[in-house]
Amino acid sequence: MEPTYVRVQAKKHTLQLLLPAEVLTDASSAQRSATTGHLLLTCPKVHPVVVSRAPQKKKAEPKPALTGGQEHGLLPAPGENLKGAVDVRGIVPSAPTGQAAPQPQPEVSLGPDFSDEEDVPPLC
C-alpha cells in the first residue's frame, strides 16, 4: 500500500486503484471475507476534511386551529360566518312583468361610400 494508490494481487492478476487523497499507510488495513471473498480496504486520510453538521432545527409547535380568527388578528376561517342558504334569485334584478321587451337600437350610418354586400352574412 502506497499513500496515493493501492495494489492488490489475487490469482495472478494485479488490481491497482488510485486513491482520491493521500492516506496513512500505517493505519490502513485490508480484510477479506472467508465466506464471500469480498475485500474491505480501510484507509484513513492524512488530512481529513472535518465537516460539522448544521444545527438541527427545533420542531415547530403545532399551530392552533383557526377558530374565531379575529382574536388572533388573522382572517376568519372560510365559511365561518355563513348562516343558512344563499338566495340567488335576487342577484340580477328582473324586469317588471308588464314591461315590453327592450327596443332594438337604431342602425348607425356608416357613411355615403359604404355598400353592404348581400352575399356576406352579418357578423352578429
N, C-alpha and C. Protein backbone atom coordinates (compact mmCIF):
# COMPACT_ATOMS: atom_id res chain seq x y z
N MET A 1 0.85 -1.17 0.00
CA MET A 1 0.00 0.00 0.00
C MET A 1 0.90 1.23 0.00
N GLU A 2 0.57 2.16 -0.88
CA GLU A 2 1.28 3.43 -1.01
C GLU A 2 0.33 4.55 -0.59
N PRO A 3 0.86 5.75 -0.32
CA PRO A 3 -0.02 6.85 0.12
C PRO A 3 -1.04 7.32 -0.93
N THR A 4 -0.80 7.07 -2.22
CA THR A 4 -1.72 7.56 -3.26
C THR A 4 -2.39 6.46 -4.06
N TYR A 5 -1.95 5.22 -3.89
CA TYR A 5 -2.60 4.12 -4.63
C TYR A 5 -2.51 2.83 -3.85
N VAL A 6 -3.33 1.84 -4.23
CA VAL A 6 -3.35 0.53 -3.61
C VAL A 6 -3.18 -0.50 -4.72
N ARG A 7 -2.34 -1.50 -4.46
CA ARG A 7 -2.14 -2.56 -5.44
C ARG A 7 -2.50 -3.89 -4.78
N VAL A 8 -3.41 -4.65 -5.41
CA VAL A 8 -3.88 -5.93 -4.88
C VAL A 8 -3.57 -7.00 -5.92
N GLN A 9 -2.95 -8.12 -5.47
CA GLN A 9 -2.69 -9.24 -6.36
C GLN A 9 -3.51 -10.43 -5.89
N ALA A 10 -4.31 -10.99 -6.80
CA ALA A 10 -5.14 -12.15 -6.50
C ALA A 10 -5.21 -13.03 -7.74
N LYS A 11 -4.87 -14.30 -7.58
CA LYS A 11 -4.92 -15.30 -8.66
C LYS A 11 -4.16 -14.81 -9.91
N LYS A 12 -2.94 -14.41 -9.73
CA LYS A 12 -2.06 -13.98 -10.82
C LYS A 12 -2.55 -12.73 -11.54
N HIS A 13 -3.49 -12.02 -10.93
CA HIS A 13 -3.99 -10.77 -11.52
C HIS A 13 -3.66 -9.63 -10.57
N THR A 14 -3.33 -8.48 -11.12
CA THR A 14 -3.00 -7.31 -10.33
C THR A 14 -4.05 -6.24 -10.56
N LEU A 15 -4.56 -5.70 -9.44
CA LEU A 15 -5.54 -4.61 -9.49
C LEU A 15 -4.92 -3.43 -8.77
N GLN A 16 -4.79 -2.30 -9.48
CA GLN A 16 -4.23 -1.11 -8.88
C GLN A 16 -5.31 -0.03 -8.86
N LEU A 17 -5.57 0.52 -7.67
CA LEU A 17 -6.59 1.55 -7.51
C LEU A 17 -5.94 2.87 -7.11
N LEU A 18 -6.28 3.92 -7.80
CA LEU A 18 -5.79 5.25 -7.47
C LEU A 18 -6.70 5.84 -6.40
N LEU A 19 -6.14 6.32 -5.32
CA LEU A 19 -6.92 6.87 -4.21
C LEU A 19 -7.15 8.36 -4.44
N PRO A 20 -8.31 8.89 -4.03
CA PRO A 20 -8.61 10.30 -4.28
C PRO A 20 -7.81 11.27 -3.40
N ALA A 21 -7.26 10.78 -2.28
CA ALA A 21 -6.47 11.63 -1.39
C ALA A 21 -5.35 10.77 -0.78
N GLU A 22 -4.36 11.44 -0.23
CA GLU A 22 -3.25 10.73 0.39
C GLU A 22 -3.73 10.09 1.70
N VAL A 23 -3.32 8.83 1.93
CA VAL A 23 -3.80 8.08 3.09
C VAL A 23 -2.64 7.72 4.00
N LEU A 24 -2.96 7.37 5.25
CA LEU A 24 -1.97 6.89 6.22
C LEU A 24 -1.75 5.40 6.00
N THR A 25 -0.58 5.03 5.56
CA THR A 25 -0.32 3.62 5.24
C THR A 25 -0.20 2.78 6.50
N ASP A 26 0.29 3.35 7.60
CA ASP A 26 0.45 2.58 8.84
C ASP A 26 -0.90 2.25 9.47
N ALA A 27 -1.89 3.12 9.30
CA ALA A 27 -3.20 2.89 9.92
C ALA A 27 -4.17 2.19 8.97
N SER A 28 -3.77 1.93 7.75
CA SER A 28 -4.65 1.27 6.78
C SER A 28 -4.70 -0.22 7.04
N SER A 29 -5.83 -0.84 6.64
CA SER A 29 -5.96 -2.28 6.82
C SER A 29 -6.76 -2.87 5.66
N ALA A 30 -6.52 -4.14 5.40
CA ALA A 30 -7.25 -4.87 4.36
C ALA A 30 -7.80 -6.15 4.99
N GLN A 31 -9.08 -6.41 4.79
CA GLN A 31 -9.72 -7.61 5.32
C GLN A 31 -10.47 -8.28 4.19
N ARG A 32 -10.41 -9.62 4.20
CA ARG A 32 -11.13 -10.37 3.19
C ARG A 32 -12.07 -11.33 3.88
N SER A 33 -13.32 -11.39 3.37
CA SER A 33 -14.31 -12.27 3.95
C SER A 33 -14.02 -13.71 3.52
N ALA A 34 -14.06 -14.63 4.46
CA ALA A 34 -13.79 -16.03 4.16
C ALA A 34 -14.96 -16.67 3.43
N THR A 35 -16.18 -16.19 3.65
CA THR A 35 -17.35 -16.83 3.02
C THR A 35 -17.65 -16.25 1.65
N THR A 36 -17.60 -14.91 1.52
CA THR A 36 -17.99 -14.31 0.24
C THR A 36 -16.80 -13.90 -0.61
N GLY A 37 -15.65 -13.69 0.02
CA GLY A 37 -14.48 -13.30 -0.74
C GLY A 37 -14.37 -11.80 -0.97
N HIS A 38 -15.26 -11.02 -0.39
CA HIS A 38 -15.19 -9.57 -0.56
C HIS A 38 -13.97 -9.02 0.16
N LEU A 39 -13.38 -7.98 -0.44
CA LEU A 39 -12.20 -7.34 0.14
C LEU A 39 -12.61 -5.98 0.68
N LEU A 40 -12.27 -5.71 1.94
CA LEU A 40 -12.60 -4.44 2.58
C LEU A 40 -11.30 -3.71 2.87
N LEU A 41 -11.11 -2.54 2.24
CA LEU A 41 -9.93 -1.71 2.48
C LEU A 41 -10.35 -0.53 3.34
N THR A 42 -9.66 -0.33 4.45
CA THR A 42 -9.92 0.80 5.33
C THR A 42 -8.68 1.68 5.31
N CYS A 43 -8.82 2.90 4.75
CA CYS A 43 -7.68 3.79 4.58
C CYS A 43 -8.04 5.18 5.10
N PRO A 44 -7.59 5.56 6.31
CA PRO A 44 -7.86 6.91 6.80
C PRO A 44 -7.00 7.95 6.08
N LYS A 45 -7.55 9.12 5.82
CA LYS A 45 -6.85 10.17 5.10
C LYS A 45 -5.81 10.86 6.00
N VAL A 46 -4.77 11.40 5.35
CA VAL A 46 -3.75 12.13 6.08
C VAL A 46 -4.33 13.45 6.60
N HIS A 47 -5.04 14.17 5.74
CA HIS A 47 -5.66 15.45 6.10
C HIS A 47 -7.17 15.32 5.89
N PRO A 48 -7.86 14.77 6.87
CA PRO A 48 -9.31 14.60 6.69
C PRO A 48 -10.02 15.95 6.73
N VAL A 49 -11.05 16.06 5.93
CA VAL A 49 -11.87 17.26 5.91
C VAL A 49 -12.97 17.08 6.94
N VAL A 50 -12.93 17.93 7.96
CA VAL A 50 -13.92 17.83 9.02
C VAL A 50 -15.10 18.72 8.65
N VAL A 51 -16.23 18.10 8.54
CA VAL A 51 -17.44 18.84 8.19
C VAL A 51 -18.36 18.78 9.39
N SER A 52 -18.71 19.95 9.90
CA SER A 52 -19.63 19.96 11.04
C SER A 52 -21.06 19.97 10.53
N ARG A 53 -21.89 19.36 11.28
CA ARG A 53 -23.30 19.31 10.91
C ARG A 53 -23.96 20.63 11.24
N ALA A 54 -24.93 20.98 10.44
CA ALA A 54 -25.69 22.20 10.71
C ALA A 54 -26.53 21.97 11.96
N PRO A 55 -26.75 23.02 12.73
CA PRO A 55 -27.58 22.83 13.93
C PRO A 55 -28.98 22.40 13.53
N GLN A 56 -29.49 21.43 14.26
CA GLN A 56 -30.82 20.92 13.94
C GLN A 56 -31.87 21.89 14.41
N LYS A 57 -32.88 22.06 13.58
CA LYS A 57 -33.97 22.96 13.92
C LYS A 57 -34.88 22.30 14.93
N LYS A 58 -35.38 23.12 15.80
CA LYS A 58 -36.34 22.60 16.77
C LYS A 58 -37.65 22.35 16.05
N LYS A 59 -38.35 21.34 16.51
CA LYS A 59 -39.64 21.03 15.91
C LYS A 59 -40.60 22.17 16.19
N ALA A 60 -41.29 22.61 15.15
CA ALA A 60 -42.23 23.71 15.29
C ALA A 60 -43.45 23.25 16.08
N GLU A 61 -43.92 24.14 16.91
CA GLU A 61 -45.12 23.81 17.67
C GLU A 61 -46.31 23.78 16.72
N PRO A 62 -47.23 22.85 16.92
CA PRO A 62 -48.39 22.81 16.02
C PRO A 62 -49.21 24.09 16.17
N LYS A 63 -49.66 24.59 15.04
CA LYS A 63 -50.46 25.81 15.04
C LYS A 63 -51.85 25.51 15.59
N PRO A 64 -52.40 26.43 16.35
CA PRO A 64 -53.76 26.21 16.84
C PRO A 64 -54.75 26.29 15.69
N ALA A 65 -55.86 25.62 15.84
CA ALA A 65 -56.89 25.62 14.81
C ALA A 65 -57.42 27.04 14.62
N LEU A 66 -57.75 27.36 13.40
CA LEU A 66 -58.25 28.70 13.10
C LEU A 66 -59.73 28.80 13.46
N THR A 67 -60.00 28.94 14.71
CA THR A 67 -61.37 29.14 15.16
C THR A 67 -61.45 30.52 15.75
N GLY A 68 -62.38 31.30 15.25
CA GLY A 68 -62.51 32.66 15.75
C GLY A 68 -61.24 33.44 15.50
N GLY A 69 -60.84 33.56 14.25
CA GLY A 69 -59.58 34.17 13.91
C GLY A 69 -59.46 35.62 14.30
N GLN A 70 -60.52 36.27 14.68
CA GLN A 70 -60.48 37.68 14.99
C GLN A 70 -59.65 37.96 16.25
N GLU A 71 -59.66 37.10 17.26
CA GLU A 71 -58.89 37.39 18.47
C GLU A 71 -57.39 37.26 18.24
N HIS A 72 -56.98 36.53 17.17
CA HIS A 72 -55.57 36.39 16.87
C HIS A 72 -55.12 37.40 15.83
N GLY A 73 -56.03 38.19 15.29
CA GLY A 73 -55.69 39.14 14.25
C GLY A 73 -55.58 38.50 12.88
N LEU A 74 -56.03 37.26 12.74
CA LEU A 74 -55.97 36.56 11.46
C LEU A 74 -57.31 36.66 10.76
N LEU A 75 -57.31 36.26 9.51
CA LEU A 75 -58.56 36.22 8.76
C LEU A 75 -59.45 35.11 9.31
N PRO A 76 -60.76 35.29 9.23
CA PRO A 76 -61.63 34.21 9.70
C PRO A 76 -61.51 33.01 8.79
N ALA A 77 -61.80 31.85 9.32
CA ALA A 77 -61.75 30.62 8.55
C ALA A 77 -62.85 30.67 7.48
N PRO A 78 -62.61 30.06 6.31
CA PRO A 78 -63.63 30.06 5.26
C PRO A 78 -64.91 29.41 5.75
N GLY A 79 -66.01 30.08 5.51
CA GLY A 79 -67.31 29.53 5.88
C GLY A 79 -67.67 29.74 7.33
N GLU A 80 -66.84 30.47 8.07
CA GLU A 80 -67.10 30.64 9.49
C GLU A 80 -68.34 31.50 9.74
N ASN A 81 -68.53 32.51 8.91
CA ASN A 81 -69.65 33.42 9.16
C ASN A 81 -70.83 33.15 8.23
N LEU A 82 -70.90 31.98 7.60
CA LEU A 82 -72.05 31.65 6.75
C LEU A 82 -73.18 31.11 7.62
N LYS A 83 -74.36 31.61 7.33
CA LYS A 83 -75.52 31.15 8.09
C LYS A 83 -76.67 30.88 7.12
N GLY A 84 -77.03 29.64 6.95
CA GLY A 84 -78.18 29.28 6.12
C GLY A 84 -77.84 29.24 4.64
N ALA A 85 -78.90 29.13 3.83
CA ALA A 85 -78.74 29.01 2.38
C ALA A 85 -78.59 30.39 1.76
N VAL A 86 -78.01 30.43 0.58
CA VAL A 86 -77.83 31.68 -0.16
C VAL A 86 -78.95 31.79 -1.19
N ASP A 87 -79.60 32.97 -1.21
CA ASP A 87 -80.69 33.21 -2.16
C ASP A 87 -80.09 33.81 -3.42
N VAL A 88 -80.11 33.04 -4.53
CA VAL A 88 -79.53 33.52 -5.78
C VAL A 88 -80.55 34.19 -6.67
N ARG A 89 -81.82 34.21 -6.26
CA ARG A 89 -82.84 34.80 -7.12
C ARG A 89 -82.72 36.31 -7.20
N GLY A 90 -82.17 36.96 -6.21
CA GLY A 90 -82.11 38.41 -6.22
C GLY A 90 -80.79 38.97 -6.71
N ILE A 91 -79.92 38.17 -7.27
CA ILE A 91 -78.62 38.66 -7.71
C ILE A 91 -78.78 39.60 -8.90
N VAL A 92 -79.55 39.20 -9.91
CA VAL A 92 -79.79 40.03 -11.08
C VAL A 92 -81.22 40.54 -10.99
N PRO A 93 -81.41 41.88 -11.03
CA PRO A 93 -82.78 42.39 -10.96
C PRO A 93 -83.57 41.99 -12.21
N SER A 94 -84.76 41.53 -11.99
CA SER A 94 -85.57 41.11 -13.13
C SER A 94 -86.45 42.28 -13.59
N ALA A 95 -86.84 42.23 -14.89
CA ALA A 95 -87.68 43.29 -15.45
C ALA A 95 -89.10 43.11 -14.93
N PRO A 96 -89.81 44.19 -14.71
CA PRO A 96 -91.22 44.06 -14.32
C PRO A 96 -92.00 43.30 -15.39
N THR A 97 -93.02 42.54 -14.99
CA THR A 97 -93.73 41.66 -15.91
C THR A 97 -94.55 42.42 -16.94
N GLY A 98 -95.01 43.60 -16.68
CA GLY A 98 -95.85 44.33 -17.63
C GLY A 98 -95.07 45.11 -18.65
N GLN A 99 -93.75 45.16 -18.57
CA GLN A 99 -92.95 45.98 -19.47
C GLN A 99 -92.64 45.19 -20.74
N ALA A 100 -92.56 45.90 -21.86
CA ALA A 100 -92.26 45.28 -23.16
C ALA A 100 -90.77 45.01 -23.26
N ALA A 101 -90.41 44.20 -24.22
CA ALA A 101 -89.01 43.86 -24.45
C ALA A 101 -88.24 45.12 -24.86
N PRO A 102 -86.95 45.18 -24.59
CA PRO A 102 -86.18 46.37 -24.95
C PRO A 102 -86.20 46.61 -26.45
N GLN A 103 -86.21 47.86 -26.82
CA GLN A 103 -86.25 48.26 -28.23
C GLN A 103 -84.87 48.08 -28.86
N PRO A 104 -84.81 47.60 -30.11
CA PRO A 104 -83.51 47.49 -30.78
C PRO A 104 -82.95 48.89 -31.03
N GLN A 105 -81.64 49.01 -30.98
CA GLN A 105 -81.01 50.29 -31.19
C GLN A 105 -81.06 50.63 -32.68
N PRO A 106 -81.21 51.90 -33.01
CA PRO A 106 -81.26 52.29 -34.43
C PRO A 106 -79.88 52.05 -35.06
N GLU A 107 -79.90 51.72 -36.34
CA GLU A 107 -78.65 51.46 -37.05
C GLU A 107 -77.88 52.76 -37.25
N VAL A 108 -76.58 52.63 -37.11
CA VAL A 108 -75.71 53.79 -37.26
C VAL A 108 -75.31 53.89 -38.72
N SER A 109 -75.34 55.10 -39.28
CA SER A 109 -74.94 55.31 -40.67
C SER A 109 -73.43 55.22 -40.77
N LEU A 110 -72.93 54.42 -41.70
CA LEU A 110 -71.52 54.20 -41.87
C LEU A 110 -70.91 55.10 -42.94
N GLY A 111 -71.66 55.98 -43.51
CA GLY A 111 -71.15 56.93 -44.48
C GLY A 111 -71.72 56.67 -45.87
N PRO A 112 -71.58 57.65 -46.74
CA PRO A 112 -72.16 57.50 -48.10
C PRO A 112 -71.41 56.51 -48.96
N ASP A 113 -70.14 56.25 -48.67
CA ASP A 113 -69.34 55.35 -49.51
C ASP A 113 -69.51 53.89 -49.11
N PHE A 114 -70.21 53.59 -48.01
CA PHE A 114 -70.37 52.23 -47.54
C PHE A 114 -71.40 51.49 -48.37
N SER A 115 -71.07 50.31 -48.87
CA SER A 115 -72.03 49.49 -49.61
C SER A 115 -72.04 48.11 -48.97
N ASP A 116 -73.19 47.66 -48.54
CA ASP A 116 -73.34 46.38 -47.90
C ASP A 116 -73.55 45.31 -48.95
N GLU A 117 -72.69 44.30 -48.97
CA GLU A 117 -72.83 43.23 -49.95
C GLU A 117 -73.81 42.21 -49.39
N GLU A 118 -74.72 41.77 -50.22
CA GLU A 118 -75.74 40.84 -49.78
C GLU A 118 -75.20 39.41 -49.65
N ASP A 119 -74.07 39.08 -50.31
CA ASP A 119 -73.51 37.73 -50.25
C ASP A 119 -72.83 37.46 -48.90
N VAL A 120 -72.39 38.50 -48.21
CA VAL A 120 -71.66 38.32 -46.95
C VAL A 120 -72.66 38.35 -45.81
N PRO A 121 -72.68 37.31 -44.95
CA PRO A 121 -73.63 37.29 -43.85
C PRO A 121 -73.22 38.31 -42.76
N PRO A 122 -74.13 38.77 -41.96
CA PRO A 122 -73.80 39.74 -40.90
C PRO A 122 -72.95 39.07 -39.82
N LEU A 123 -72.16 39.85 -39.11
CA LEU A 123 -71.26 39.34 -38.09
C LEU A 123 -71.97 39.00 -36.79
N CYS A 124 -73.08 39.65 -36.49
CA CYS A 124 -73.71 39.41 -35.21
C CYS A 124 -74.77 38.35 -35.27
